[in-house]
C-alpha cells in the first residue's frame, strides 16, 4: 500500500503542476479525477493532455487511479448526473459512455483502477428494478474494462443507491466479476456508523483495490482535514495515532506545513518533545508559527531537497 493524493484537492492548480508538487511532497500515487480541463475526453487537447500525463507519471514514478466523480462534468445543472441509476436509458447511456472513456484512459496510463459509484435513485423504481438497472450498466462496464485489462473499484457513497457495505454486498448478488473490486472510503464508514472500521477492512481486504481516507463526522458527509472531524478521536484510531506518535524518530521534515492546517505541526511537536530534530521547509515564514522549529528553509520543496542532497554528498 502507498499514499496518493486526489487532483480534485488541487482545484486551483494546473493538474501537471499539482502532480509535480505531489511527487515533491513524497506521494507515490495520484488519483486523477477526470474533470473540466483535466483529461476531459470531450476537449480538443485530450490526446495532448493524455500523452503529457503519461510523461509526468513516468518521470516521477507515480501510480495512478482514475476517478470519475466530477460533480458537474456531464451536466452543469445537476450534481453528478446522469448516473447508472438515471431512469431514461438514452440519458443513462451518457454515463456509460463516459465510464468507458475513463477505462480507455486507465488502459493508456496503466492505472491501478477506475473508481466509480452507483449514483442516486431519483425516480420511484422499486428495489428489484433499481438493482437490475444498476447491474445491467455495471455488467457492460465490467466487460469493457476486462477486455482492456482494467480493474473497477466500486465505491459505496452516502446518499446514493449503494451507500453502505451491506448494500454493496447485496449488489454482489446481482453482478460480480474478477475485475470488480472495492474502493473503500474510511471516512464514509465512520460517517454511517459502519464500525469497528478495522473489522470492515479485514472483512473486505481481498476485494479492496483503492482506499479514500479523510476525517469526517458521524452522520455528516463532509470531507475534512485530519483533526477537524471525529475520526482521529475514534478510540481505535486514537490508539493507533498515539502508538505512531510515540515511535522514536531521529528527523522530522515538514514540507509546505502551515498554521492554516496544523495537524502535521502538532504531530511534529510530539516528535520534537521526544527529541527528534525537525526541519520545516516553506516559502512563508509564518508557517513556522505553530511548530517553531530551529531549522527553517524558506524554499520550495524540490529546491530544498536538491540543496540538502548536495550538502549530504559533501559529508
Protein backbone atom coordinates (compact mmCIF):
# COMPACT_ATOMS: atom_id res chain seq x y z
CA UNK A 1 0.00 0.00 0.00
CA UNK A 2 1.18 3.56 -0.68
CA UNK A 3 -0.14 7.10 -0.27
CA UNK A 4 -1.58 9.15 -3.11
CA UNK A 5 -3.44 12.45 -3.45
CA UNK A 6 -6.50 13.36 -5.50
CA UNK A 7 -6.35 16.07 -8.14
CA UNK A 8 -9.75 17.37 -7.02
CA UNK A 9 -7.91 18.58 -3.91
CA UNK A 10 -5.76 20.86 -6.07
CA UNK A 11 -8.55 22.57 -7.99
CA UNK A 12 -6.69 25.89 -8.19
CA UNK A 13 -3.52 24.37 -9.65
CA UNK A 14 -2.70 23.28 -13.15
CA UNK A 15 -3.03 19.50 -12.93
CA UNK A 16 0.55 18.90 -14.08
CA UNK A 17 1.95 21.40 -11.57
CA UNK A 18 -0.13 19.67 -8.91
CA UNK A 19 1.30 16.27 -9.81
CA UNK A 20 4.82 17.64 -9.58
CA UNK A 21 4.02 19.04 -6.13
CA UNK A 22 2.60 15.68 -5.03
CA UNK A 23 5.80 13.95 -6.09
CA UNK A 24 7.92 16.55 -4.29
CA UNK A 25 5.98 16.05 -1.07
CA UNK A 26 6.53 12.32 -1.31
CA UNK A 27 3.24 10.89 -2.55
CA UNK A 28 3.69 7.77 -4.66
CA UNK A 29 0.35 7.91 -6.38
CA UNK A 30 -2.17 10.31 -7.85
CA UNK A 31 -5.93 9.88 -8.15
CA UNK A 32 -6.82 11.69 -11.36
CA UNK A 33 -10.38 13.00 -11.34
CA UNK A 34 -11.45 13.50 -14.96
CA UNK A 35 -12.97 16.96 -14.99
CA UNK A 36 -13.12 20.21 -16.90
CA UNK A 37 -9.57 20.82 -18.17
CA UNK A 38 -8.30 17.57 -16.62
CA UNK A 39 -8.01 14.99 -19.44
CA UNK A 40 -11.62 15.66 -20.41
CA UNK A 41 -12.28 13.34 -23.39
CA UNK A 42 -14.52 15.98 -24.96
CA UNK A 43 -11.75 18.58 -25.23
CA UNK A 44 -9.66 19.12 -28.35
CA UNK A 45 -6.48 18.85 -26.27
CA UNK A 46 -7.45 15.45 -24.84
CA UNK A 47 -4.77 13.44 -26.65
CA UNK A 48 -2.13 16.05 -25.91
CA UNK A 49 -3.06 16.05 -22.22
CA UNK A 50 -3.11 12.27 -22.05
CA UNK A 51 0.36 11.98 -23.55
CA UNK A 52 1.66 14.62 -21.16
CA UNK A 53 0.02 12.78 -18.26
CA UNK A 54 1.85 9.61 -19.26
CA UNK A 55 5.13 11.54 -19.35
CA UNK A 56 4.63 13.07 -15.89
CA UNK A 57 3.59 9.77 -14.30
CA UNK A 58 6.68 8.09 -15.74
CA UNK A 59 9.01 10.93 -14.81
CA UNK A 60 8.01 10.86 -11.15
CA UNK A 61 7.32 7.11 -10.99
CA UNK A 62 3.75 7.72 -9.81
CA UNK A 63 0.97 5.16 -9.69
CA UNK A 64 -2.43 6.39 -10.83
CA UNK A 65 -6.12 5.78 -10.26
CA UNK A 66 -8.83 7.24 -12.48
CA UNK A 67 -11.66 8.84 -10.50
CA UNK A 68 -15.00 9.51 -12.19
CA UNK A 69 -16.80 11.56 -9.54
CA UNK A 70 -16.51 15.07 -11.03
CA UNK A 71 -19.58 16.99 -9.92
CA UNK A 72 -20.68 18.92 -12.98
CA UNK A 73 -18.78 17.40 -15.87
CA UNK A 74 -21.69 15.78 -17.70
CA UNK A 75 -24.29 18.43 -16.90
CA UNK A 76 -23.89 21.92 -15.37
CA UNK A 77 -27.24 21.85 -13.54
CA UNK A 78 -27.37 18.63 -11.52
CA UNK A 79 -24.51 17.35 -9.39
CA UNK A 80 -23.12 14.02 -10.60
CA UNK A 81 -25.91 13.46 -13.14
CA UNK A 82 -26.55 11.43 -15.20
CA UNK A 83 -25.56 8.22 -13.41
CA UNK A 84 -26.02 4.47 -13.72
CA UNK A 85 -29.28 4.96 -11.78
CA UNK A 86 -30.79 7.52 -14.17
CA UNK A 87 -34.20 6.30 -15.36
CA UNK A 88 -34.06 7.25 -19.04
CA UNK A 89 -31.83 4.78 -20.94
CA UNK A 90 -30.74 7.35 -23.51
CA UNK A 91 -29.61 9.71 -20.74
CA UNK A 92 -28.04 6.92 -18.69
CA UNK A 93 -26.05 6.00 -21.77
CA UNK A 94 -24.08 9.24 -21.39
CA UNK A 95 -22.70 7.99 -18.07
CA UNK A 96 -21.87 4.62 -19.61
CA UNK A 97 -20.05 6.29 -22.48
CA UNK A 98 -18.10 8.45 -20.04
CA UNK A 99 -17.11 5.47 -17.89
CA UNK A 100 -15.89 3.64 -20.96
CA UNK A 101 -13.73 6.61 -21.92
CA UNK A 102 -12.38 6.64 -18.36
CA UNK A 103 -11.49 2.96 -18.80
CA UNK A 104 -9.69 3.83 -22.05
CA UNK A 105 -7.71 6.47 -20.14
CA UNK A 106 -6.82 3.96 -17.42
CA UNK A 107 -5.67 1.44 -20.03
CA UNK A 108 -3.44 4.05 -21.69
CA UNK A 109 -1.93 5.20 -18.39
CA UNK A 110 -1.62 1.76 -16.83
CA UNK A 111 -3.75 2.92 -13.89
CA UNK A 112 -4.43 0.65 -10.93
CA UNK A 113 -8.20 1.01 -11.32
CA UNK A 114 -11.14 3.15 -12.39
CA UNK A 115 -13.15 4.23 -9.36
CA UNK A 116 -16.90 4.77 -9.71
CA UNK A 117 -20.18 4.74 -7.75
CA UNK A 118 -23.83 3.93 -8.41
CA UNK A 119 -25.44 7.34 -8.37
CA UNK A 120 -28.69 8.37 -6.67
CA UNK A 121 -32.05 6.77 -7.44
CA UNK A 122 -34.22 9.78 -8.31
CA UNK A 123 -37.33 8.07 -9.66
CA UNK A 124 -39.76 5.73 -7.86
CA UNK A 125 -38.41 2.45 -9.19
CA UNK A 126 -38.76 -0.42 -6.73
CA UNK A 127 -35.65 -2.08 -5.35
CA UNK A 128 -35.56 -5.13 -7.66
CA UNK A 129 -35.93 -2.95 -10.76
CA UNK A 130 -33.33 -0.49 -9.47
CA UNK A 131 -30.81 -3.28 -8.85
CA UNK A 132 -31.46 -4.65 -12.33
CA UNK A 133 -30.87 -1.20 -13.81
CA UNK A 134 -27.59 -0.75 -11.96
CA UNK A 135 -26.30 -4.27 -12.54
CA UNK A 136 -27.09 -4.05 -16.25
CA UNK A 137 -24.93 -0.97 -16.64
CA UNK A 138 -22.18 -2.39 -14.46
CA UNK A 139 -22.02 -5.59 -16.49
CA UNK A 140 -21.37 -3.53 -19.62
CA UNK A 141 -18.70 -1.51 -17.82
CA UNK A 142 -17.02 -4.59 -16.34
CA UNK A 143 -16.87 -6.40 -19.66
CA UNK A 144 -15.49 -3.32 -21.42
CA UNK A 145 -12.87 -2.98 -18.67
CA UNK A 146 -11.99 -6.68 -18.70
CA UNK A 147 -11.35 -6.53 -22.44
CA UNK A 148 -8.76 -3.81 -21.70
CA UNK A 149 -7.36 -5.45 -18.54
CA UNK A 150 -8.65 -2.64 -16.33
CA UNK A 151 -9.91 -3.10 -12.75
CA UNK A 152 -13.06 -1.36 -11.50
CA UNK A 153 -13.14 -0.08 -7.91
CA UNK A 154 -16.76 0.42 -6.83
CA UNK A 155 -17.29 2.97 -4.05
CA UNK A 156 -20.34 2.89 -1.74
CA UNK A 157 -21.26 6.56 -1.38
CA UNK A 158 -23.51 8.15 1.28
CA UNK A 159 -26.80 9.27 -0.20
CA UNK A 160 -26.51 7.07 -3.28
CA UNK A 161 -28.34 3.85 -4.14
CA UNK A 162 -25.37 1.80 -2.96
CA UNK A 163 -24.32 3.71 0.13
CA UNK A 164 -23.10 1.14 2.66
CA UNK A 165 -21.08 -2.05 2.71
CA UNK A 166 -24.23 -4.09 3.34
CA UNK A 167 -25.77 -2.60 0.19
CA UNK A 168 -22.57 -3.36 -1.71
CA UNK A 169 -22.86 -6.96 -0.54
CA UNK A 170 -26.39 -7.08 -1.93
CA UNK A 171 -25.12 -5.67 -5.22
CA UNK A 172 -22.69 -8.58 -5.50
CA UNK A 173 -25.68 -10.92 -5.59
CA UNK A 174 -26.63 -9.28 -8.90
CA UNK A 175 -23.26 -8.64 -10.53
CA UNK A 176 -19.70 -9.78 -9.94
CA UNK A 177 -16.54 -10.37 -11.95
CA UNK A 178 -12.82 -10.96 -11.34
CA UNK A 179 -12.12 -7.28 -12.10
CA UNK A 180 -14.93 -5.97 -9.85
CA UNK A 181 -13.17 -4.64 -6.78
CA UNK A 182 -13.84 -2.14 -3.98
CA UNK A 183 -12.93 1.48 -3.41
CA UNK A 184 -13.29 1.81 0.36
CA UNK A 185 -13.74 5.29 1.86
CA UNK A 186 -12.80 5.09 5.55
CA UNK A 187 -14.50 8.41 6.32
CA UNK A 188 -17.75 7.08 4.87
CA UNK A 189 -17.59 4.14 7.26
CA UNK A 190 -17.35 6.46 10.25
CA UNK A 191 -20.00 8.81 8.83
CA UNK A 192 -22.52 5.99 8.57
CA UNK A 193 -21.58 4.10 11.72
CA UNK A 194 -20.10 1.06 9.95
CA UNK A 195 -17.72 0.15 12.72
CA UNK A 196 -15.37 -1.13 14.03
CA UNK A 197 -13.61 0.13 10.94
CA UNK A 198 -10.71 -2.31 11.29
CA UNK A 199 -13.15 -5.23 11.13
CA UNK A 200 -14.76 -3.86 7.96
CA UNK A 201 -11.32 -3.54 6.37
CA UNK A 202 -10.39 -7.10 7.35
CA UNK A 203 -13.73 -8.40 6.08
CA UNK A 204 -13.22 -6.86 2.62
CA UNK A 205 -9.41 -6.89 2.39
CA UNK A 206 -9.26 -9.29 -0.56
CA UNK A 207 -11.54 -7.07 -2.66
CA UNK A 208 -10.10 -3.65 -1.78
CA UNK A 209 -8.19 -2.02 -4.64
CA UNK A 210 -8.39 1.64 -3.66
CA UNK A 211 -8.81 3.47 -0.33
CA UNK A 212 -10.02 7.01 0.35
CA UNK A 213 -9.13 8.44 3.74
CA UNK A 214 -10.05 11.73 5.39
CA UNK A 215 -11.57 12.99 8.62
CA UNK A 216 -15.36 13.09 8.95
CA UNK A 217 -18.18 13.48 11.46
CA UNK A 218 -20.84 10.89 12.21
CA UNK A 219 -23.96 11.44 10.13
CA UNK A 220 -22.48 14.28 8.09
CA UNK A 221 -21.00 13.58 4.67
CA UNK A 222 -18.35 16.30 4.62
CA UNK A 223 -14.72 15.53 3.83
CA UNK A 224 -12.44 17.21 6.38
CA UNK A 225 -8.76 17.59 7.11
CA UNK A 226 -7.46 15.18 9.75
CA UNK A 227 -8.16 16.61 13.18
CA UNK A 228 -11.13 18.70 12.02
CA UNK A 229 -13.67 15.90 12.44
CA UNK A 230 -14.15 12.96 14.78
CA UNK A 231 -12.23 10.20 13.08
CA UNK A 232 -8.86 10.80 14.76
CA UNK A 233 -10.72 10.91 18.08
CA UNK A 234 -12.25 7.48 17.50
CA UNK A 235 -10.92 5.19 20.28
CA UNK A 236 -9.41 2.65 17.90
CA UNK A 237 -7.80 5.29 15.70
CA UNK A 238 -6.65 7.25 18.73
CA UNK A 239 -4.73 4.21 19.94
CA UNK A 240 -3.10 3.81 16.53
CA UNK A 241 -2.33 7.53 16.35
CA UNK A 242 -0.77 7.59 19.82
CA UNK A 243 1.29 4.50 19.07
CA UNK A 244 2.60 6.17 15.91
CA UNK A 245 3.34 9.46 17.71
CA UNK A 246 5.36 7.64 20.39
CA UNK A 247 7.67 5.97 17.91
CA UNK A 248 11.27 7.07 18.21
CA UNK A 249 12.49 9.00 15.16
CA UNK A 250 15.67 10.95 14.52
CA UNK A 251 14.43 13.51 12.00
CA UNK A 252 11.11 15.08 11.03
CA UNK A 253 10.80 17.10 7.83
CA UNK A 254 7.75 19.30 7.26
CA UNK A 255 7.16 20.30 3.63
CA UNK A 256 4.59 23.00 2.97
CA UNK A 257 3.35 22.86 6.58
CA UNK A 258 1.16 25.78 7.56
CA UNK A 259 -0.67 27.03 10.62
CA UNK A 260 -3.82 27.04 8.47
CA UNK A 261 -3.76 23.23 8.54
CA UNK A 262 -1.98 22.50 11.84
CA UNK A 263 -2.43 18.75 12.20
CA UNK A 264 1.07 17.88 10.95
CA UNK A 265 2.56 20.72 13.00
CA UNK A 266 1.17 19.36 16.26
CA UNK A 267 2.32 15.85 15.37
CA UNK A 268 5.81 17.24 14.69
CA UNK A 269 5.80 18.88 18.13
CA UNK A 270 5.14 15.47 19.71
CA UNK A 271 8.20 14.08 17.95
CA UNK A 272 10.22 17.15 18.95
CA UNK A 273 9.33 16.65 22.59
CA UNK A 274 10.67 13.11 22.21
CA UNK A 275 13.99 14.51 20.98
CA UNK A 276 13.66 14.44 17.20
CA UNK A 277 15.35 17.13 15.14
CA UNK A 278 12.82 18.93 12.94
CA UNK A 279 13.25 20.81 9.67
CA UNK A 280 10.47 22.99 8.26
CA UNK A 281 10.50 23.81 4.51
CA UNK A 282 8.13 26.55 3.41
CA UNK A 283 8.30 29.79 1.43
CA UNK A 284 6.13 31.50 4.06
CA UNK A 285 7.98 32.18 7.37
CA UNK A 286 4.65 32.39 9.23
CA UNK A 287 4.22 28.66 8.55
CA UNK A 288 6.68 28.06 11.40
CA UNK A 289 4.48 29.84 13.95
CA UNK A 290 2.97 26.71 15.49
CA UNK A 291 5.76 24.18 15.34
CA UNK A 292 8.61 26.65 15.94
CA UNK A 293 11.43 24.55 14.51
CA UNK A 294 15.04 25.61 14.98
CA UNK A 295 15.77 24.74 11.35
CA UNK A 296 13.69 26.55 8.74
CA UNK A 297 14.33 26.74 4.99
CA UNK A 298 12.32 29.40 3.08
CA UNK A 299 12.42 27.39 -0.16
CA UNK A 300 10.19 25.31 -2.38
CA UNK A 301 10.25 21.62 -1.51
CA UNK A 302 12.07 20.49 -4.65
CA UNK A 303 14.79 23.15 -4.34
CA UNK A 304 15.25 22.45 -0.64
CA UNK A 305 15.73 18.70 -1.16
CA UNK A 306 18.13 19.29 -4.05
CA UNK A 307 20.26 21.50 -1.81
CA UNK A 308 20.08 19.04 1.06
CA UNK A 309 21.11 16.23 -1.25
CA UNK A 310 24.15 18.18 -2.48
CA UNK A 311 25.10 19.05 1.09
CA UNK A 312 24.88 15.42 2.18
CA UNK A 313 27.09 14.33 -0.71
CA UNK A 314 29.88 16.57 0.61
CA UNK A 315 29.87 14.97 4.08
